[in-house]
Amino acid sequence: SAQGQKAEKKGKGPTVENRVDKVATDLNLSATEKAAVLALFQKQDVEFKKFKSEVDAESPEFKTKLQELRKTQNEELKAVIGKEKFQTLQKLRAEEKKKQAN
């Protein structure tokens, strides 16, 4: 149901669309790139949910497997937007993390 979906999105951080919009704006992506990133993020979102349902957050391998998943997802993103834009994105993400830490 639509209502169920809304409740789920609340407090779960940005939606896939929000994340794509931000990346597209930050990196000045073309419409084609943006569409490719959206498709990729949607696929990765499904993978991440599957991962979280299959791997216990308390288990010792959780962190390792999460790092592997993120690494794979980063490689996929790099393939979609290119190395330069990916590096720019990594820089921006690092700056955001610093801001949040302060």
N, C-alpha and C. Protein backbone atom coordinates (compact mmCIF):
# COMPACT_ATOMS: atom_id res chain seq x y z
N SER A 1 0.84 -1.20 0.00
CA SER A 1 0.00 0.00 0.00
C SER A 1 0.87 1.25 0.00
N ALA A 2 0.37 2.32 -0.56
CA ALA A 2 1.11 3.57 -0.66
C ALA A 2 1.44 4.12 0.73
N GLN A 3 0.49 3.96 1.64
CA GLN A 3 0.70 4.48 2.99
C GLN A 3 1.84 3.73 3.68
N GLY A 4 1.90 2.44 3.49
CA GLY A 4 2.96 1.62 4.07
C GLY A 4 4.32 2.06 3.59
N GLN A 5 4.41 2.39 2.30
CA GLN A 5 5.68 2.83 1.73
C GLN A 5 6.13 4.15 2.32
N LYS A 6 5.18 5.06 2.49
CA LYS A 6 5.52 6.37 3.06
C LYS A 6 6.10 6.22 4.45
N ALA A 7 5.45 5.41 5.26
CA ALA A 7 5.89 5.20 6.63
C ALA A 7 7.30 4.62 6.64
N GLU A 8 7.57 3.75 5.67
CA GLU A 8 8.87 3.09 5.59
C GLU A 8 9.98 4.11 5.28
N LYS A 9 9.67 5.06 4.41
CA LYS A 9 10.69 6.02 3.99
C LYS A 9 11.04 7.02 5.09
N LYS A 10 10.11 7.26 5.97
CA LYS A 10 10.33 8.23 7.05
C LYS A 10 11.47 7.80 7.95
N GLY A 11 12.39 8.69 8.21
CA GLY A 11 13.45 8.41 9.16
C GLY A 11 14.47 7.40 8.68
N LYS A 12 14.37 6.97 7.44
CA LYS A 12 15.31 5.99 6.91
C LYS A 12 16.41 6.68 6.11
N GLY A 13 16.48 8.00 6.22
CA GLY A 13 17.46 8.71 5.42
C GLY A 13 16.89 9.01 4.05
N PRO A 14 17.73 9.53 3.17
CA PRO A 14 17.24 9.95 1.85
C PRO A 14 16.77 8.77 1.00
N THR A 15 15.79 9.02 0.16
CA THR A 15 15.32 8.00 -0.77
C THR A 15 16.34 7.87 -1.90
N VAL A 16 16.18 6.84 -2.69
CA VAL A 16 17.06 6.64 -3.84
C VAL A 16 17.02 7.89 -4.74
N GLU A 17 15.80 8.39 -4.98
CA GLU A 17 15.64 9.57 -5.84
C GLU A 17 16.38 10.78 -5.26
N ASN A 18 16.27 10.98 -3.94
CA ASN A 18 16.98 12.09 -3.30
C ASN A 18 18.48 11.97 -3.52
N ARG A 19 18.99 10.76 -3.34
CA ARG A 19 20.42 10.53 -3.49
C ARG A 19 20.87 10.78 -4.93
N VAL A 20 20.06 10.32 -5.88
CA VAL A 20 20.38 10.52 -7.29
C VAL A 20 20.38 12.01 -7.63
N ASP A 21 19.36 12.73 -7.15
CA ASP A 21 19.29 14.17 -7.40
C ASP A 21 20.53 14.88 -6.87
N LYS A 22 20.94 14.49 -5.68
CA LYS A 22 22.10 15.13 -5.06
C LYS A 22 23.36 14.86 -5.87
N VAL A 23 23.56 13.61 -6.24
CA VAL A 23 24.74 13.23 -7.04
C VAL A 23 24.71 13.96 -8.38
N ALA A 24 23.54 13.99 -9.01
CA ALA A 24 23.40 14.63 -10.32
C ALA A 24 23.73 16.12 -10.23
N THR A 25 23.25 16.76 -9.16
CA THR A 25 23.52 18.18 -8.95
C THR A 25 24.99 18.42 -8.64
N ASP A 26 25.51 17.66 -7.68
CA ASP A 26 26.91 17.83 -7.27
C ASP A 26 27.88 17.62 -8.42
N LEU A 27 27.57 16.66 -9.29
CA LEU A 27 28.52 16.30 -10.36
C LEU A 27 28.10 16.84 -11.72
N ASN A 28 26.99 17.58 -11.75
CA ASN A 28 26.51 18.13 -13.00
C ASN A 28 26.33 17.04 -14.05
N LEU A 29 25.60 16.00 -13.70
CA LEU A 29 25.41 14.87 -14.60
C LEU A 29 24.45 15.20 -15.73
N SER A 30 24.66 14.56 -16.87
CA SER A 30 23.72 14.69 -17.98
C SER A 30 22.48 13.87 -17.65
N ALA A 31 21.41 14.07 -18.40
CA ALA A 31 20.18 13.32 -18.17
C ALA A 31 20.43 11.82 -18.34
N THR A 32 21.26 11.47 -19.29
CA THR A 32 21.60 10.06 -19.54
C THR A 32 22.33 9.46 -18.35
N GLU A 33 23.32 10.20 -17.85
CA GLU A 33 24.08 9.73 -16.68
C GLU A 33 23.17 9.60 -15.47
N LYS A 34 22.31 10.60 -15.30
CA LYS A 34 21.41 10.60 -14.15
C LYS A 34 20.49 9.37 -14.19
N ALA A 35 19.97 9.06 -15.37
CA ALA A 35 19.10 7.89 -15.53
C ALA A 35 19.87 6.61 -15.21
N ALA A 36 21.12 6.54 -15.64
CA ALA A 36 21.95 5.35 -15.38
C ALA A 36 22.24 5.22 -13.88
N VAL A 37 22.51 6.35 -13.23
CA VAL A 37 22.77 6.34 -11.79
C VAL A 37 21.51 5.93 -11.03
N LEU A 38 20.36 6.43 -11.47
CA LEU A 38 19.09 6.05 -10.82
C LEU A 38 18.88 4.54 -10.91
N ALA A 39 19.06 3.98 -12.10
CA ALA A 39 18.88 2.54 -12.28
C ALA A 39 19.86 1.77 -11.39
N LEU A 40 21.10 2.24 -11.34
CA LEU A 40 22.12 1.59 -10.52
C LEU A 40 21.77 1.66 -9.03
N PHE A 41 21.39 2.86 -8.56
CA PHE A 41 21.06 3.02 -7.14
C PHE A 41 19.86 2.17 -6.74
N GLN A 42 18.88 2.06 -7.66
CA GLN A 42 17.70 1.24 -7.36
C GLN A 42 18.11 -0.22 -7.21
N LYS A 43 18.98 -0.68 -8.11
CA LYS A 43 19.47 -2.06 -8.04
C LYS A 43 20.26 -2.27 -6.75
N GLN A 44 21.12 -1.30 -6.42
CA GLN A 44 21.95 -1.41 -5.22
C GLN A 44 21.11 -1.37 -3.95
N ASP A 45 20.04 -0.60 -4.00
CA ASP A 45 19.14 -0.51 -2.85
C ASP A 45 18.53 -1.87 -2.54
N VAL A 46 18.11 -2.57 -3.59
CA VAL A 46 17.55 -3.90 -3.45
C VAL A 46 18.61 -4.85 -2.88
N GLU A 47 19.83 -4.77 -3.43
CA GLU A 47 20.93 -5.61 -2.95
C GLU A 47 21.21 -5.35 -1.48
N PHE A 48 21.18 -4.07 -1.10
CA PHE A 48 21.49 -3.70 0.28
C PHE A 48 20.42 -4.23 1.23
N LYS A 49 19.15 -4.11 0.84
CA LYS A 49 18.06 -4.62 1.68
C LYS A 49 18.18 -6.13 1.83
N LYS A 50 18.52 -6.80 0.74
CA LYS A 50 18.69 -8.26 0.75
C LYS A 50 19.84 -8.60 1.70
N PHE A 51 20.93 -7.87 1.57
CA PHE A 51 22.09 -8.08 2.43
C PHE A 51 21.71 -7.96 3.90
N LYS A 52 20.98 -6.88 4.22
CA LYS A 52 20.60 -6.65 5.62
C LYS A 52 19.65 -7.72 6.14
N SER A 53 18.85 -8.29 5.27
CA SER A 53 17.93 -9.33 5.72
C SER A 53 18.65 -10.68 5.88
N GLU A 54 19.77 -10.84 5.18
CA GLU A 54 20.47 -12.12 5.20
C GLU A 54 21.62 -12.16 6.21
N VAL A 55 22.25 -11.01 6.44
CA VAL A 55 23.41 -11.00 7.33
C VAL A 55 23.05 -10.30 8.63
N ASP A 56 23.24 -10.99 9.71
CA ASP A 56 22.93 -10.44 11.03
C ASP A 56 23.91 -9.32 11.35
N ALA A 57 23.37 -8.16 11.71
CA ALA A 57 24.20 -6.99 12.01
C ALA A 57 25.16 -7.25 13.17
N GLU A 58 24.82 -8.20 14.02
CA GLU A 58 25.66 -8.51 15.18
C GLU A 58 26.77 -9.51 14.82
N SER A 59 26.66 -10.13 13.65
CA SER A 59 27.62 -11.18 13.31
C SER A 59 28.98 -10.59 12.99
N PRO A 60 30.04 -11.37 13.24
CA PRO A 60 31.40 -10.86 13.02
C PRO A 60 31.68 -10.53 11.56
N GLU A 61 31.04 -11.23 10.62
CA GLU A 61 31.35 -10.95 9.21
C GLU A 61 30.54 -9.80 8.63
N PHE A 62 29.63 -9.23 9.41
CA PHE A 62 28.77 -8.16 8.90
C PHE A 62 29.59 -7.02 8.30
N LYS A 63 30.55 -6.53 9.07
CA LYS A 63 31.35 -5.37 8.63
C LYS A 63 32.15 -5.69 7.37
N THR A 64 32.76 -6.85 7.36
CA THR A 64 33.56 -7.26 6.20
C THR A 64 32.70 -7.36 4.96
N LYS A 65 31.55 -8.02 5.11
CA LYS A 65 30.66 -8.21 3.96
C LYS A 65 30.09 -6.87 3.50
N LEU A 66 29.83 -5.99 4.45
CA LEU A 66 29.31 -4.67 4.10
C LEU A 66 30.36 -3.89 3.31
N GLN A 67 31.61 -3.97 3.74
CA GLN A 67 32.70 -3.29 3.03
C GLN A 67 32.84 -3.84 1.61
N GLU A 68 32.72 -5.16 1.48
CA GLU A 68 32.80 -5.79 0.15
C GLU A 68 31.66 -5.30 -0.74
N LEU A 69 30.46 -5.25 -0.17
CA LEU A 69 29.29 -4.79 -0.93
C LEU A 69 29.49 -3.35 -1.38
N ARG A 70 29.94 -2.50 -0.45
CA ARG A 70 30.16 -1.08 -0.78
C ARG A 70 31.23 -0.93 -1.86
N LYS A 71 32.28 -1.74 -1.76
CA LYS A 71 33.37 -1.68 -2.73
C LYS A 71 32.83 -2.02 -4.12
N THR A 72 32.05 -3.08 -4.19
CA THR A 72 31.45 -3.50 -5.46
C THR A 72 30.54 -2.40 -6.00
N GLN A 73 29.73 -1.83 -5.11
CA GLN A 73 28.80 -0.79 -5.53
C GLN A 73 29.54 0.46 -6.00
N ASN A 74 30.65 0.77 -5.35
CA ASN A 74 31.46 1.91 -5.78
C ASN A 74 32.07 1.67 -7.16
N GLU A 75 32.52 0.45 -7.39
CA GLU A 75 33.08 0.09 -8.70
C GLU A 75 32.01 0.23 -9.79
N GLU A 76 30.79 -0.19 -9.46
CA GLU A 76 29.69 -0.09 -10.42
C GLU A 76 29.39 1.38 -10.73
N LEU A 77 29.41 2.20 -9.69
CA LEU A 77 29.13 3.62 -9.87
C LEU A 77 30.22 4.28 -10.71
N LYS A 78 31.47 3.91 -10.43
CA LYS A 78 32.61 4.45 -11.18
C LYS A 78 32.45 4.11 -12.67
N ALA A 79 31.99 2.89 -12.95
CA ALA A 79 31.79 2.45 -14.34
C ALA A 79 30.71 3.28 -15.03
N VAL A 80 29.72 3.73 -14.25
CA VAL A 80 28.61 4.49 -14.82
C VAL A 80 28.98 5.96 -15.05
N ILE A 81 29.61 6.59 -14.05
CA ILE A 81 29.86 8.05 -14.16
C ILE A 81 31.29 8.40 -14.56
N GLY A 82 32.16 7.42 -14.60
CA GLY A 82 33.55 7.69 -14.98
C GLY A 82 34.41 8.00 -13.77
N LYS A 83 35.71 7.78 -13.93
CA LYS A 83 36.66 7.89 -12.82
C LYS A 83 36.73 9.30 -12.22
N GLU A 84 36.77 10.30 -13.09
CA GLU A 84 36.92 11.69 -12.60
C GLU A 84 35.75 12.11 -11.73
N LYS A 85 34.54 11.89 -12.23
CA LYS A 85 33.35 12.28 -11.48
C LYS A 85 33.24 11.46 -10.20
N PHE A 86 33.65 10.19 -10.28
CA PHE A 86 33.61 9.35 -9.09
C PHE A 86 34.55 9.91 -8.02
N GLN A 87 35.74 10.31 -8.43
CA GLN A 87 36.70 10.87 -7.46
C GLN A 87 36.17 12.16 -6.85
N THR A 88 35.54 12.99 -7.66
CA THR A 88 34.92 14.21 -7.16
C THR A 88 33.86 13.88 -6.12
N LEU A 89 33.05 12.87 -6.43
CA LEU A 89 31.99 12.46 -5.52
C LEU A 89 32.59 11.97 -4.19
N GLN A 90 33.66 11.19 -4.26
CA GLN A 90 34.31 10.69 -3.04
C GLN A 90 34.79 11.86 -2.18
N LYS A 91 35.35 12.87 -2.81
CA LYS A 91 35.81 14.07 -2.09
C LYS A 91 34.65 14.76 -1.40
N LEU A 92 33.57 14.95 -2.15
CA LEU A 92 32.38 15.61 -1.59
C LEU A 92 31.82 14.81 -0.41
N ARG A 93 31.80 13.51 -0.56
CA ARG A 93 31.28 12.65 0.51
C ARG A 93 32.15 12.75 1.76
N ALA A 94 33.46 12.81 1.55
CA ALA A 94 34.39 12.93 2.68
C ALA A 94 34.16 14.26 3.41
N GLU A 95 33.94 15.32 2.64
CA GLU A 95 33.69 16.65 3.23
C GLU A 95 32.39 16.64 4.03
N GLU A 96 31.36 15.99 3.48
CA GLU A 96 30.07 15.90 4.18
C GLU A 96 30.24 15.17 5.50
N LYS A 97 31.02 14.09 5.47
CA LYS A 97 31.25 13.31 6.70
C LYS A 97 31.92 14.17 7.74
N LYS A 98 32.89 14.97 7.31
CA LYS A 98 33.59 15.87 8.25
C LYS A 98 32.61 16.84 8.88
N LYS A 99 31.74 17.42 8.06
CA LYS A 99 30.73 18.36 8.55
C LYS A 99 29.84 17.70 9.58
N GLN A 100 29.41 16.46 9.30
CA GLN A 100 28.52 15.75 10.21
C GLN A 100 29.23 15.41 11.51
N ALA A 101 30.53 15.19 11.43
CA ALA A 101 31.31 14.80 12.63
C ALA A 101 31.47 15.99 13.58
N ASN A 102 31.49 17.18 13.02
CA ASN A 102 31.69 18.39 13.86
C ASN A 102 30.44 18.77 14.64
